[in-house]
Protein backbone atom coordinates (compact mmCIF):
# COMPACT_ATOMS: atom_id res chain seq x y z
CA MET A 1 -8.85 13.40 -3.41
CA ASP A 2 -9.91 9.62 -4.63
CA ASP A 3 -9.36 8.57 -8.36
CA ASN A 4 -12.61 9.87 -9.18
CA GLY A 5 -12.64 13.30 -7.37
CA LEU A 6 -15.68 12.37 -5.44
CA ALA A 7 -13.91 12.07 -2.06
CA MET A 8 -11.31 13.82 0.22
CA ARG A 9 -8.26 11.70 1.42
CA LEU A 10 -7.63 12.42 5.08
CA HIS A 11 -4.20 11.59 6.95
CA ILE A 12 -4.10 11.31 11.06
CA TYR A 13 -0.44 10.94 11.70
CA ASP A 14 1.68 10.28 14.93
CA ILE A 15 -1.30 8.26 16.55
CA ARG A 16 0.06 7.55 20.14
CA ASN A 17 -1.67 5.87 22.83
CA TRP A 18 -5.01 6.17 21.64
CA ALA A 19 -6.29 4.57 18.39
CA ASP A 20 -2.91 2.39 18.21
CA LYS A 21 -4.12 0.32 21.03
CA ASP A 22 -6.59 -1.60 18.95
CA GLY A 23 -5.13 -1.30 15.70
CA GLY A 24 -7.35 1.51 14.51
CA LYS A 25 -10.77 -0.37 14.68
CA GLU A 26 -12.31 2.08 17.04
CA LEU A 27 -11.07 4.89 14.96
CA HIS A 28 -12.10 3.23 11.58
CA LYS A 29 -15.85 2.68 13.16
CA GLN A 30 -16.02 6.03 14.34
CA GLU A 31 -14.89 7.74 10.96
CA LYS A 32 -17.24 5.41 9.16
CA GLY A 33 -20.15 7.37 10.70
CA CYS A 34 -19.08 10.50 8.69
CA GLY A 35 -20.14 9.20 5.72
CA ALA A 36 -19.17 6.61 2.94
CA LEU A 37 -15.63 5.41 3.80
CA THR A 38 -14.15 4.24 0.51
CA PHE A 39 -10.53 3.67 1.66
CA TRP A 40 -9.05 2.85 4.84
CA ASP A 41 -5.37 2.20 5.42
CA TRP A 42 -3.91 1.75 9.16
CA THR A 43 0.00 1.59 9.66
CA ASP A 44 1.11 0.18 12.95
CA ALA A 45 3.60 2.53 15.24
CA THR A 46 7.18 1.80 15.04
CA SER A 47 9.86 2.45 17.64
CA GLU A 48 10.36 5.83 15.60
CA ASN A 49 6.73 6.75 14.23
CA GLY A 50 3.53 6.62 15.84
CA ALA A 51 0.43 4.80 14.12
CA SER A 52 -1.15 6.65 11.23
CA ALA A 53 -4.18 6.17 8.99
CA TRP A 54 -5.07 7.33 5.62
CA PHE A 55 -8.64 7.07 4.74
CA ASP A 56 -11.34 8.52 2.12
CA LEU A 57 -15.05 10.29 2.86
CA PRO A 58 -17.19 12.05 1.01
CA TYR A 59 -16.58 15.91 0.33
CA PHE A 60 -20.08 16.91 2.00
CA MET A 61 -20.37 15.79 5.48
CA LYS A 62 -21.54 17.43 8.60
CA ALA A 63 -18.84 20.02 9.71
CA GLY A 64 -16.19 18.69 12.41
CA CYS A 65 -17.41 15.39 12.12
CA VAL A 66 -13.71 14.04 11.31
CA GLU A 67 -12.65 15.89 14.70
CA ARG A 68 -15.58 14.34 16.69
CA ALA A 69 -14.59 11.08 15.42
CA ILE A 70 -11.08 11.04 16.66
CA LYS A 71 -12.31 12.45 19.91
CA THR A 72 -14.71 9.64 20.55
CA ALA A 73 -12.18 6.98 19.74
CA GLY A 74 -9.87 8.50 22.37
CA GLY A 75 -7.88 10.79 20.71
CA PRO A 76 -7.14 14.18 21.35
CA ASP A 77 -9.30 17.91 20.79
CA LEU A 78 -7.90 18.87 17.43
CA GLN A 79 -9.13 20.67 14.43
CA CYS A 80 -8.26 19.23 10.68
CA LYS A 81 -6.40 21.38 8.49
CA LYS A 82 -5.99 21.13 4.66
CA ILE A 83 -2.91 20.94 3.05
């Protein structure tokens, strides 16, 4: 959740061989299509860990948007889970 409680913070981790090829640019572009992306933090992969992205999106958006954005950016089919 962002500091104002208006958005949810999402984390995509262990990114290997798709969004890391362009430093997360296409993933960022696709996730922006889900709503007002108010925070974005990309971490490049290391020899031990895949790349990761943290970002904030509004609570109210079309169901499945984040997953479709990942797929469109070249990522795997997946389902987000709340932790």
